[in-house]
């Protein structure tokens, strides 16, 4: 029943995407230009990558609202490494490590000290953001080497490599959740932590692992985003956590855990990623984007809870 409900949610999101794009096709000249689609892809790539990690966290019945602050820290780390002369591979690996450490701290507190994830990640969000502001004094990371831009690739090659990377991550996540024991443990932990422990699943390790993995993916997303610009703002990633969580929930992942798919998360990212730019092309104020995102989240949660009540 829950699987059928998830697929029905995915169908609804897919239908909404089709209707939105039909509206943009006939009313927003230039929206489907090659340049705009490339910009949309690069702008939403961080959301997609982090959403895959956030989906795992929410599947276990937890949540992480610190990913925006982690994104800022990892972006600055990537810039500092670039200025130190570190090669491209070292830069994104270091950014991933920084994100994994942040995620591991949150995951450890949630998994073993049993502190509610909303409390832990709220504290981490504030601590990381204010700590970074104190360390940088609010200044941006500038004077980046030319080799840092697009990781030394042309913009077209970088965009194409991002498409390949996104496809690989989506494939790994989908196959891992479906066929690997670790993936089944994630679903089981979110469905019933007590029953999972009785079945021999070390749920604390599962929770710790998904937080750490989400942090690493946040670091990867930060590095891929940072190379698009000549300077890295120390306050980057503001509001990113809302976009990520919204994409996962809108895509059909249950906010209480135990149910959700990678395809649904991808559809959620596509839908929410289209709204802001679509509003601009339709001549609607971009200030409505947050309001629409909030309304979509409320509707998605309402459908989610209604579906659970029918089971």
C-alpha atoms as a PDB file:
ATOM      1  CA  UNK A   1       0.000   0.000   0.000  1.00  0.00           C
ATOM      2  CA  UNK A   2       2.779   2.453   0.921  1.00  0.00           C
ATOM      3  CA  UNK A   3       4.586   1.631  -2.352  1.00  0.00           C
ATOM      4  CA  UNK A   4       1.427   2.309  -4.354  1.00  0.00           C
ATOM      5  CA  UNK A   5       0.959   5.570  -2.461  1.00  0.00           C
ATOM      6  CA  UNK A   6       4.543   6.597  -3.226  1.00  0.00           C
ATOM      7  CA  UNK A   7       4.113   5.918  -6.947  1.00  0.00           C
ATOM      8  CA  UNK A   8       0.841   7.859  -7.011  1.00  0.00           C
ATOM      9  CA  UNK A   9       2.663  10.816  -5.459  1.00  0.00           C
ATOM     10  CA  UNK A  10       5.401  10.545  -8.095  1.00  0.00           C
ATOM     11  CA  UNK A  11       2.765  10.500 -10.834  1.00  0.00           C
ATOM     12  CA  UNK A  12       1.181  13.634  -9.402  1.00  0.00           C
ATOM     13  CA  UNK A  13       4.527  15.466  -9.294  1.00  0.00           C
ATOM     14  CA  UNK A  14       5.363  14.338 -12.834  1.00  0.00           C
ATOM     15  CA  UNK A  15       1.981  15.590 -14.071  1.00  0.00           C
ATOM     16  CA  UNK A  16       2.558  18.946 -12.382  1.00  0.00           C
ATOM     17  CA  UNK A  17       5.965  19.242 -14.062  1.00  0.00           C
ATOM     18  CA  UNK A  18       4.412  18.525 -17.450  1.00  0.00           C
ATOM     19  CA  UNK A  19       1.664  21.133 -16.942  1.00  0.00           C
ATOM     20  CA  UNK A  20       4.179  23.737 -15.729  1.00  0.00           C
ATOM     21  CA  UNK A  21       6.428  23.159 -18.717  1.00  0.00           C
ATOM     22  CA  UNK A  22       3.519  23.351 -21.136  1.00  0.00           C
ATOM     23  CA  UNK A  23       2.610  26.718 -19.608  1.00  0.00           C
ATOM     24  CA  UNK A  24       6.208  27.906 -19.951  1.00  0.00           C
ATOM     25  CA  UNK A  25       6.443  26.572 -23.511  1.00  0.00           C
ATOM     26  CA  UNK A  26       3.554  28.739 -24.707  1.00  0.00           C
ATOM     27  CA  UNK A  27       3.956  31.722 -22.355  1.00  0.00           C
ATOM     28  CA  UNK A  28       7.669  32.105 -21.601  1.00  0.00           C
ATOM     29  CA  UNK A  29       9.739  32.739 -24.704  1.00  0.00           C
ATOM     30  CA  UNK A  30      13.348  31.747 -24.179  1.00  0.00           C
ATOM     31  CA  UNK A  31      12.802  29.473 -21.191  1.00  0.00           C
ATOM     32  CA  UNK A  32      13.762  26.386 -23.185  1.00  0.00           C
ATOM     33  CA  UNK A  33      16.822  27.979 -24.745  1.00  0.00           C
ATOM     34  CA  UNK A  34      20.042  26.005 -24.465  1.00  0.00           C
ATOM     35  CA  UNK A  35      21.660  28.654 -22.285  1.00  0.00           C
ATOM     36  CA  UNK A  36      18.776  28.821 -19.804  1.00  0.00           C
ATOM     37  CA  UNK A  37      18.502  25.041 -19.490  1.00  0.00           C
ATOM     38  CA  UNK A  38      22.262  24.811 -18.861  1.00  0.00           C
ATOM     39  CA  UNK A  39      21.995  27.509 -16.186  1.00  0.00           C
ATOM     40  CA  UNK A  40      19.051  25.679 -14.593  1.00  0.00           C
ATOM     41  CA  UNK A  41      21.024  22.450 -14.516  1.00  0.00           C
ATOM     42  CA  UNK A  42      24.086  23.994 -12.879  1.00  0.00           C
ATOM     43  CA  UNK A  43      22.031  26.039 -10.415  1.00  0.00           C
ATOM     44  CA  UNK A  44      20.035  23.014  -9.268  1.00  0.00           C
ATOM     45  CA  UNK A  45      22.855  20.479  -9.275  1.00  0.00           C
ATOM     46  CA  UNK A  46      23.757  21.228  -5.596  1.00  0.00           C
ATOM     47  CA  UNK A  47      20.097  20.788  -4.611  1.00  0.00           C
ATOM     48  CA  UNK A  48      19.917  17.431  -6.389  1.00  0.00           C
ATOM     49  CA  UNK A  49      23.143  16.068  -4.893  1.00  0.00           C
ATOM     50  CA  UNK A  50      22.288  17.122  -1.338  1.00  0.00           C
ATOM     51  CA  UNK A  51      18.695  15.932  -1.764  1.00  0.00           C
ATOM     52  CA  UNK A  52      19.943  12.388  -2.332  1.00  0.00           C
ATOM     53  CA  UNK A  53      21.657  12.507   1.053  1.00  0.00           C
ATOM     54  CA  UNK A  54      18.733  14.268   2.723  1.00  0.00           C
ATOM     55  CA  UNK A  55      16.377  11.601   1.400  1.00  0.00           C
ATOM     56  CA  UNK A  56      18.396   8.945   3.260  1.00  0.00           C
ATOM     57  CA  UNK A  57      18.192  10.962   6.481  1.00  0.00           C
ATOM     58  CA  UNK A  58      14.445  11.492   6.185  1.00  0.00           C
ATOM     59  CA  UNK A  59      13.946   7.823   5.303  1.00  0.00           C
ATOM     60  CA  UNK A  60      15.373   6.975   8.738  1.00  0.00           C
ATOM     61  CA  UNK A  61      12.850   9.310  10.368  1.00  0.00           C
ATOM     62  CA  UNK A  62      15.367  12.106  11.027  1.00  0.00           C
ATOM     63  CA  UNK A  63      16.008  15.529   9.496  1.00  0.00           C
ATOM     64  CA  UNK A  64      19.007  17.816   8.932  1.00  0.00           C
ATOM     65  CA  UNK A  65      18.445  21.553   8.685  1.00  0.00           C
ATOM     66  CA  UNK A  66      22.162  22.402   8.860  1.00  0.00           C
ATOM     67  CA  UNK A  67      23.056  21.510   5.256  1.00  0.00           C
ATOM     68  CA  UNK A  68      22.938  25.155   4.164  1.00  0.00           C
ATOM     69  CA  UNK A  69      25.569  26.082   6.749  1.00  0.00           C
ATOM     70  CA  UNK A  70      27.623  22.980   5.898  1.00  0.00           C
ATOM     71  CA  UNK A  71      27.445  24.047   2.251  1.00  0.00           C
ATOM     72  CA  UNK A  72      28.872  27.468   3.142  1.00  0.00           C
ATOM     73  CA  UNK A  73      31.716  25.958   5.198  1.00  0.00           C
ATOM     74  CA  UNK A  74      32.618  23.476   2.455  1.00  0.00           C
ATOM     75  CA  UNK A  75      32.492  26.195  -0.212  1.00  0.00           C
ATOM     76  CA  UNK A  76      34.976  28.329   1.724  1.00  0.00           C
ATOM     77  CA  UNK A  77      37.143  25.257   2.367  1.00  0.00           C
ATOM     78  CA  UNK A  78      37.212  24.578  -1.392  1.00  0.00           C
ATOM     79  CA  UNK A  79      38.233  28.165  -2.100  1.00  0.00           C
ATOM     80  CA  UNK A  80      40.976  28.160   0.525  1.00  0.00           C
ATOM     81  CA  UNK A  81      42.345  24.870  -0.828  1.00  0.00           C
ATOM     82  CA  UNK A  82      42.363  26.289  -4.360  1.00  0.00           C
ATOM     83  CA  UNK A  83      44.315  29.350  -3.235  1.00  0.00           C
ATOM     84  CA  UNK A  84      46.799  27.038  -1.513  1.00  0.00           C
ATOM     85  CA  UNK A  85      47.523  25.409  -4.873  1.00  0.00           C
ATOM     86  CA  UNK A  86      45.722  22.122  -4.263  1.00  0.00           C
ATOM     87  CA  UNK A  87      44.750  20.240  -7.452  1.00  0.00           C
ATOM     88  CA  UNK A  88      41.109  19.814  -8.418  1.00  0.00           C
ATOM     89  CA  UNK A  89      40.769  16.263  -7.119  1.00  0.00           C
ATOM     90  CA  UNK A  90      42.222  17.276  -3.761  1.00  0.00           C
ATOM     91  CA  UNK A  91      39.859  20.241  -3.551  1.00  0.00           C
ATOM     92  CA  UNK A  92      36.643  18.278  -3.912  1.00  0.00           C
ATOM     93  CA  UNK A  93      37.914  15.448  -1.727  1.00  0.00           C
ATOM     94  CA  UNK A  94      38.775  17.931   1.036  1.00  0.00           C
ATOM     95  CA  UNK A  95      35.371  19.596   0.683  1.00  0.00           C
ATOM     96  CA  UNK A  96      33.691  16.190   0.922  1.00  0.00           C
ATOM     97  CA  UNK A  97      35.738  15.364   4.025  1.00  0.00           C
ATOM     98  CA  UNK A  98      34.797  18.664   5.672  1.00  0.00           C
ATOM     99  CA  UNK A  99      31.127  17.993   4.991  1.00  0.00           C
ATOM    100  CA  UNK A 100      31.394  14.406   6.216  1.00  0.00           C
ATOM    101  CA  UNK A 101      32.933  15.580   9.496  1.00  0.00           C
ATOM    102  CA  UNK A 102      30.090  18.066  10.042  1.00  0.00           C
ATOM    103  CA  UNK A 103      27.523  15.389   9.239  1.00  0.00           C
ATOM    104  CA  UNK A 104      29.277  12.868  11.499  1.00  0.00           C
ATOM    105  CA  UNK A 105      29.115  15.251  14.454  1.00  0.00           C
ATOM    106  CA  UNK A 106      25.364  15.662  14.011  1.00  0.00           C
ATOM    107  CA  UNK A 107      24.891  11.964  13.318  1.00  0.00           C
ATOM    108  CA  UNK A 108      26.856  10.942  16.399  1.00  0.00           C
ATOM    109  CA  UNK A 109      24.798  13.173  18.678  1.00  0.00           C
ATOM    110  CA  UNK A 110      21.541  11.873  17.183  1.00  0.00           C
ATOM    111  CA  UNK A 111      22.513   8.202  16.967  1.00  0.00           C
ATOM    112  CA  UNK A 112      24.274   7.602  20.262  1.00  0.00           C
ATOM    113  CA  UNK A 113      23.300  10.449  22.575  1.00  0.00           C
ATOM    114  CA  UNK A 114      19.687  10.290  21.334  1.00  0.00           C
ATOM    115  CA  UNK A 115      19.370  14.061  20.983  1.00  0.00           C
ATOM    116  CA  UNK A 116      16.472  14.928  18.621  1.00  0.00           C
ATOM    117  CA  UNK A 117      17.820  15.612  15.131  1.00  0.00           C
ATOM    118  CA  UNK A 118      15.908  18.894  14.793  1.00  0.00           C
ATOM    119  CA  UNK A 119      17.642  20.204  17.934  1.00  0.00           C
ATOM    120  CA  UNK A 120      21.100  18.966  16.938  1.00  0.00           C
ATOM    121  CA  UNK A 121      20.995  20.293  13.399  1.00  0.00           C
ATOM    122  CA  UNK A 122      19.476  23.625  14.448  1.00  0.00           C
ATOM    123  CA  UNK A 123      22.422  24.082  16.812  1.00  0.00           C
ATOM    124  CA  UNK A 124      24.850  22.997  14.081  1.00  0.00           C
ATOM    125  CA  UNK A 125      23.248  25.375  11.597  1.00  0.00           C
ATOM    126  CA  UNK A 126      23.791  28.337  13.912  1.00  0.00           C
ATOM    127  CA  UNK A 127      27.238  27.266  15.125  1.00  0.00           C
ATOM    128  CA  UNK A 128      28.628  26.651  11.632  1.00  0.00           C
ATOM    129  CA  UNK A 129      27.146  29.801  10.129  1.00  0.00           C
ATOM    130  CA  UNK A 130      28.269  32.098  12.973  1.00  0.00           C
ATOM    131  CA  UNK A 131      31.628  30.353  13.289  1.00  0.00           C
ATOM    132  CA  UNK A 132      32.296  30.874   9.586  1.00  0.00           C
ATOM    133  CA  UNK A 133      31.221  34.505   9.837  1.00  0.00           C
ATOM    134  CA  UNK A 134      33.652  35.013  12.732  1.00  0.00           C
ATOM    135  CA  UNK A 135      36.515  33.251  10.925  1.00  0.00           C
ATOM    136  CA  UNK A 136      36.074  35.141   7.636  1.00  0.00           C
ATOM    137  CA  UNK A 137      34.820  38.406   9.166  1.00  0.00           C
ATOM    138  CA  UNK A 138      32.156  38.288   6.496  1.00  0.00           C
ATOM    139  CA  UNK A 139      34.667  38.643   3.653  1.00  0.00           C
ATOM    140  CA  UNK A 140      34.493  36.607   0.464  1.00  0.00           C
ATOM    141  CA  UNK A 141      37.166  34.214  -0.765  1.00  0.00           C
ATOM    142  CA  UNK A 142      38.680  35.961  -3.776  1.00  0.00           C
ATOM    143  CA  UNK A 143      41.811  35.879  -5.947  1.00  0.00           C
ATOM    144  CA  UNK A 144      41.048  32.304  -6.933  1.00  0.00           C
ATOM    145  CA  UNK A 145      43.429  30.707  -9.456  1.00  0.00           C
ATOM    146  CA  UNK A 146      42.277  30.422 -13.061  1.00  0.00           C
ATOM    147  CA  UNK A 147      42.543  26.626 -12.885  1.00  0.00           C
ATOM    148  CA  UNK A 148      39.820  26.612 -10.213  1.00  0.00           C
ATOM    149  CA  UNK A 149      37.215  27.954 -12.646  1.00  0.00           C
ATOM    150  CA  UNK A 150      35.182  24.986 -13.943  1.00  0.00           C
ATOM    151  CA  UNK A 151      37.963  22.740 -12.546  1.00  0.00           C
ATOM    152  CA  UNK A 152      40.028  23.622 -15.613  1.00  0.00           C
ATOM    153  CA  UNK A 153      37.362  22.413 -18.070  1.00  0.00           C
ATOM    154  CA  UNK A 154      35.348  24.410 -20.562  1.00  0.00           C
ATOM    155  CA  UNK A 155      31.898  25.404 -19.335  1.00  0.00           C
ATOM    156  CA  UNK A 156      30.309  22.984 -21.796  1.00  0.00           C
ATOM    157  CA  UNK A 157      32.475  20.079 -20.680  1.00  0.00           C
ATOM    158  CA  UNK A 158      31.844  20.910 -17.034  1.00  0.00           C
ATOM    159  CA  UNK A 159      28.083  20.930 -17.640  1.00  0.00           C
ATOM    160  CA  UNK A 160      28.264  17.596 -19.457  1.00  0.00           C
ATOM    161  CA  UNK A 161      30.360  16.074 -16.661  1.00  0.00           C
ATOM    162  CA  UNK A 162      27.762  17.263 -14.154  1.00  0.00           C
ATOM    163  CA  UNK A 163      25.044  15.440 -16.098  1.00  0.00           C
ATOM    164  CA  UNK A 164      27.092  12.237 -16.055  1.00  0.00           C
ATOM    165  CA  UNK A 165      27.850  12.629 -12.330  1.00  0.00           C
ATOM    166  CA  UNK A 166      24.186  13.252 -11.509  1.00  0.00           C
ATOM    167  CA  UNK A 167      23.187  10.174 -13.469  1.00  0.00           C
ATOM    168  CA  UNK A 168      25.735   8.023 -11.661  1.00  0.00           C
ATOM    169  CA  UNK A 169      24.685   9.280  -8.227  1.00  0.00           C
ATOM    170  CA  UNK A 170      21.004   8.711  -8.994  1.00  0.00           C
ATOM    171  CA  UNK A 171      21.729   5.205 -10.297  1.00  0.00           C
ATOM    172  CA  UNK A 172      23.893   4.292  -7.294  1.00  0.00           C
ATOM    173  CA  UNK A 173      21.302   5.612  -4.841  1.00  0.00           C
ATOM    174  CA  UNK A 174      18.397   3.846  -6.556  1.00  0.00           C
ATOM    175  CA  UNK A 175      20.161   0.495  -6.887  1.00  0.00           C
ATOM    176  CA  UNK A 176      21.651   0.728  -3.408  1.00  0.00           C
ATOM    177  CA  UNK A 177      18.312   1.364  -1.735  1.00  0.00           C
ATOM    178  CA  UNK A 178      16.638  -1.388  -3.714  1.00  0.00           C
ATOM    179  CA  UNK A 179      19.183  -4.185  -3.698  1.00  0.00           C
ATOM    180  CA  UNK A 180      21.772  -3.622  -0.972  1.00  0.00           C
ATOM    181  CA  UNK A 181      21.333  -4.720   2.619  1.00  0.00           C
ATOM    182  CA  UNK A 182      22.355  -1.256   3.762  1.00  0.00           C
ATOM    183  CA  UNK A 183      19.559   0.275   1.694  1.00  0.00           C
ATOM    184  CA  UNK A 184      16.967  -2.047   3.202  1.00  0.00           C
ATOM    185  CA  UNK A 185      18.310  -1.176   6.650  1.00  0.00           C
ATOM    186  CA  UNK A 186      17.646   2.512   5.955  1.00  0.00           C
ATOM    187  CA  UNK A 187      13.993   1.806   5.105  1.00  0.00           C
ATOM    188  CA  UNK A 188      13.610  -0.535   8.065  1.00  0.00           C
ATOM    189  CA  UNK A 189      15.062   1.986  10.519  1.00  0.00           C
ATOM    190  CA  UNK A 190      12.562   4.608   9.417  1.00  0.00           C
ATOM    191  CA  UNK A 191       9.626   2.224   9.427  1.00  0.00           C
ATOM    192  CA  UNK A 192      10.233   0.998  12.988  1.00  0.00           C
ATOM    193  CA  UNK A 193      13.489   1.540  14.819  1.00  0.00           C
ATOM    194  CA  UNK A 194      12.493  -0.798  17.640  1.00  0.00           C
ATOM    195  CA  UNK A 195      11.565  -3.642  15.296  1.00  0.00           C
ATOM    196  CA  UNK A 196      14.750  -3.059  13.306  1.00  0.00           C
ATOM    197  CA  UNK A 197      16.901  -3.387  16.408  1.00  0.00           C
ATOM    198  CA  UNK A 198      15.104  -6.594  17.328  1.00  0.00           C
ATOM    199  CA  UNK A 199      15.853  -7.891  13.817  1.00  0.00           C
ATOM    200  CA  UNK A 200      19.556  -7.300  14.392  1.00  0.00           C
ATOM    201  CA  UNK A 201      19.944  -3.989  12.526  1.00  0.00           C
ATOM    202  CA  UNK A 202      22.315  -1.572  14.265  1.00  0.00           C
ATOM    203  CA  UNK A 203      20.091   1.440  13.817  1.00  0.00           C
ATOM    204  CA  UNK A 204      22.523   3.829  15.496  1.00  0.00           C
ATOM    205  CA  UNK A 205      25.114   2.995  12.840  1.00  0.00           C
ATOM    206  CA  UNK A 206      22.524   3.487  10.108  1.00  0.00           C
ATOM    207  CA  UNK A 207      21.594   6.954  11.396  1.00  0.00           C
ATOM    208  CA  UNK A 208      25.245   7.940  11.871  1.00  0.00           C
ATOM    209  CA  UNK A 209      26.099   6.745   8.354  1.00  0.00           C
ATOM    210  CA  UNK A 210      23.321   8.631   6.563  1.00  0.00           C
ATOM    211  CA  UNK A 211      24.198  11.892   8.322  1.00  0.00           C
ATOM    212  CA  UNK A 212      27.873  11.441   7.412  1.00  0.00           C
ATOM    213  CA  UNK A 213      27.026  10.562   3.806  1.00  0.00           C
ATOM    214  CA  UNK A 214      24.717  13.561   3.470  1.00  0.00           C
ATOM    215  CA  UNK A 215      27.533  15.762   4.773  1.00  0.00           C
ATOM    216  CA  UNK A 216      29.966  14.329   2.222  1.00  0.00           C
ATOM    217  CA  UNK A 217      27.474  14.921  -0.595  1.00  0.00           C
ATOM    218  CA  UNK A 218      26.998  18.482   0.654  1.00  0.00           C
ATOM    219  CA  UNK A 219      30.765  18.994   0.401  1.00  0.00           C
ATOM    220  CA  UNK A 220      30.763  17.632  -3.155  1.00  0.00           C
ATOM    221  CA  UNK A 221      27.875  19.916  -4.107  1.00  0.00           C
ATOM    222  CA  UNK A 222      29.665  22.904  -2.565  1.00  0.00           C
ATOM    223  CA  UNK A 223      32.849  22.248  -4.544  1.00  0.00           C
ATOM    224  CA  UNK A 224      30.966  21.811  -7.831  1.00  0.00           C
ATOM    225  CA  UNK A 225      29.043  25.029  -7.213  1.00  0.00           C
ATOM    226  CA  UNK A 226      32.050  27.092  -6.100  1.00  0.00           C
ATOM    227  CA  UNK A 227      33.970  26.609  -9.355  1.00  0.00           C
ATOM    228  CA  UNK A 228      31.233  28.456 -11.244  1.00  0.00           C
ATOM    229  CA  UNK A 229      32.266  31.801  -9.762  1.00  0.00           C
ATOM    230  CA  UNK A 230      35.335  34.017  -9.396  1.00  0.00           C
ATOM    231  CA  UNK A 231      34.596  34.643  -5.708  1.00  0.00           C
ATOM    232  CA  UNK A 232      33.030  32.549  -2.967  1.00  0.00           C
ATOM    233  CA  UNK A 233      30.626  34.340  -0.591  1.00  0.00           C
ATOM    234  CA  UNK A 234      30.981  33.349   3.050  1.00  0.00           C
ATOM    235  CA  UNK A 235      27.183  33.481   3.409  1.00  0.00           C
ATOM    236  CA  UNK A 236      26.420  31.141   0.515  1.00  0.00           C
ATOM    237  CA  UNK A 237      23.797  28.437   0.969  1.00  0.00           C
ATOM    238  CA  UNK A 238      21.232  30.584   2.773  1.00  0.00           C
ATOM    239  CA  UNK A 239      17.840  28.889   2.468  1.00  0.00           C
ATOM    240  CA  UNK A 240      19.359  25.847   0.750  1.00  0.00           C
ATOM    241  CA  UNK A 241      18.072  23.517   3.461  1.00  0.00           C
ATOM    242  CA  UNK A 242      14.477  24.539   2.687  1.00  0.00           C
ATOM    243  CA  UNK A 243      14.896  23.753  -1.022  1.00  0.00           C
ATOM    244  CA  UNK A 244      16.465  20.380  -0.288  1.00  0.00           C
ATOM    245  CA  UNK A 245      13.934  19.266   2.310  1.00  0.00           C
ATOM    246  CA  UNK A 246      11.069  20.537   0.154  1.00  0.00           C
ATOM    247  CA  UNK A 247      12.320  18.601  -2.881  1.00  0.00           C
ATOM    248  CA  UNK A 248      12.538  15.363  -0.898  1.00  0.00           C
ATOM    249  CA  UNK A 249       9.112  15.713   0.706  1.00  0.00           C
ATOM    250  CA  UNK A 250       7.401  16.889  -2.466  1.00  0.00           C
ATOM    251  CA  UNK A 251       8.935  13.888  -4.221  1.00  0.00           C
ATOM    252  CA  UNK A 252       6.972  11.546  -1.967  1.00  0.00           C
ATOM    253  CA  UNK A 253       9.397  10.665   0.826  1.00  0.00           C
ATOM    254  CA  UNK A 254       7.467  10.301   4.068  1.00  0.00           C
ATOM    255  CA  UNK A 255       8.422  12.944   6.627  1.00  0.00           C
ATOM    256  CA  UNK A 256       8.062  10.259   9.299  1.00  0.00           C
ATOM    257  CA  UNK A 257      10.452   7.905   7.510  1.00  0.00           C
ATOM    258  CA  UNK A 258      10.345   4.468   5.929  1.00  0.00           C
ATOM    259  CA  UNK A 259       8.910   5.388   2.525  1.00  0.00           C
ATOM    260  CA  UNK A 260      10.294   7.207  -0.520  1.00  0.00           C
ATOM    261  CA  UNK A 261      12.117   6.752  -3.819  1.00  0.00           C
ATOM    262  CA  UNK A 262      15.051   8.295  -5.663  1.00  0.00           C
ATOM    263  CA  UNK A 263      12.861   8.961  -8.710  1.00  0.00           C
ATOM    264  CA  UNK A 264      10.443  10.913  -6.542  1.00  0.00           C
ATOM    265  CA  UNK A 265      13.268  13.024  -5.132  1.00  0.00           C
ATOM    266  CA  UNK A 266      14.538  13.756  -8.645  1.00  0.00           C
ATOM    267  CA  UNK A 267      11.052  14.862  -9.699  1.00  0.00           C
ATOM    268  CA  UNK A 268      10.793  17.067  -6.608  1.00  0.00           C
ATOM    269  CA  UNK A 269      14.076  18.783  -7.495  1.00  0.00           C
ATOM    270  CA  UNK A 270      12.937  19.343 -11.081  1.00  0.00           C
ATOM    271  CA  UNK A 271       9.593  20.806  -9.997  1.00  0.00           C
ATOM    272  CA  UNK A 272      10.945  23.179  -7.360  1.00  0.00           C
ATOM    273  CA  UNK A 273      13.939  24.092  -9.509  1.00  0.00           C
ATOM    274  CA  UNK A 274      11.643  25.188 -12.320  1.00  0.00           C
ATOM    275  CA  UNK A 275       9.443  27.435 -10.215  1.00  0.00           C
ATOM    276  CA  UNK A 276      11.797  30.356  -9.525  1.00  0.00           C
ATOM    277  CA  UNK A 277      13.074  30.749 -13.089  1.00  0.00           C
ATOM    278  CA  UNK A 278       9.620  30.035 -14.477  1.00  0.00           C
ATOM    279  CA  UNK A 279       8.124  32.867 -12.434  1.00  0.00           C
ATOM    280  CA  UNK A 280      10.740  35.251 -13.794  1.00  0.00           C
ATOM    281  CA  UNK A 281       9.977  34.295 -17.393  1.00  0.00           C
ATOM    282  CA  UNK A 282       6.245  34.634 -16.703  1.00  0.00           C
ATOM    283  CA  UNK A 283       6.772  38.140 -15.334  1.00  0.00           C
ATOM    284  CA  UNK A 284       5.800  37.224 -11.775  1.00  0.00           C
ATOM    285  CA  UNK A 285       7.815  38.590  -8.870  1.00  0.00           C
ATOM    286  CA  UNK A 286      10.475  36.131  -7.681  1.00  0.00           C
ATOM    287  CA  UNK A 287       9.427  36.936  -4.101  1.00  0.00           C
ATOM    288  CA  UNK A 288       6.528  34.541  -4.642  1.00  0.00           C
ATOM    289  CA  UNK A 289       8.960  31.609  -4.996  1.00  0.00           C
ATOM    290  CA  UNK A 290       9.353  31.052  -1.236  1.00  0.00           C
ATOM    291  CA  UNK A 291       5.609  31.341  -0.670  1.00  0.00           C
ATOM    292  CA  UNK A 292       4.901  28.794  -3.398  1.00  0.00           C
ATOM    293  CA  UNK A 293       7.570  26.450  -2.013  1.00  0.00           C
ATOM    294  CA  UNK A 294       6.010  26.674   1.429  1.00  0.00           C
ATOM    295  CA  UNK A 295       2.537  25.992   0.064  1.00  0.00           C
ATOM    296  CA  UNK A 296       3.806  22.982  -1.890  1.00  0.00           C
ATOM    297  CA  UNK A 297       5.467  21.589   1.251  1.00  0.00           C
ATOM    298  CA  UNK A 298       2.235  21.933   3.244  1.00  0.00           C
ATOM    299  CA  UNK A 299       0.212  20.220   0.516  1.00  0.00           C
ATOM    300  CA  UNK A 300       2.799  17.425   0.214  1.00  0.00           C
ATOM    301  CA  UNK A 301       2.824  16.803   3.966  1.00  0.00           C
ATOM    302  CA  UNK A 302      -0.980  16.825   4.061  1.00  0.00           C
ATOM    303  CA  UNK A 303      -1.141  14.187   1.305  1.00  0.00           C
ATOM    304  CA  UNK A 304       1.590  12.228   3.058  1.00  0.00           C
ATOM    305  CA  UNK A 305      -0.251  12.098   6.369  1.00  0.00           C
ATOM    306  CA  UNK A 306      -3.564  11.394   4.674  1.00  0.00           C
ATOM    307  CA  UNK A 307      -1.988   8.461   2.905  1.00  0.00           C
ATOM    308  CA  UNK A 308      -0.594   7.067   6.150  1.00  0.00           C
ATOM    309  CA  UNK A 309      -3.988   7.369   7.832  1.00  0.00           C
ATOM    310  CA  UNK A 310      -5.579   5.307   5.059  1.00  0.00           C
ATOM    311  CA  UNK A 311      -3.061   2.457   5.511  1.00  0.00           C
END
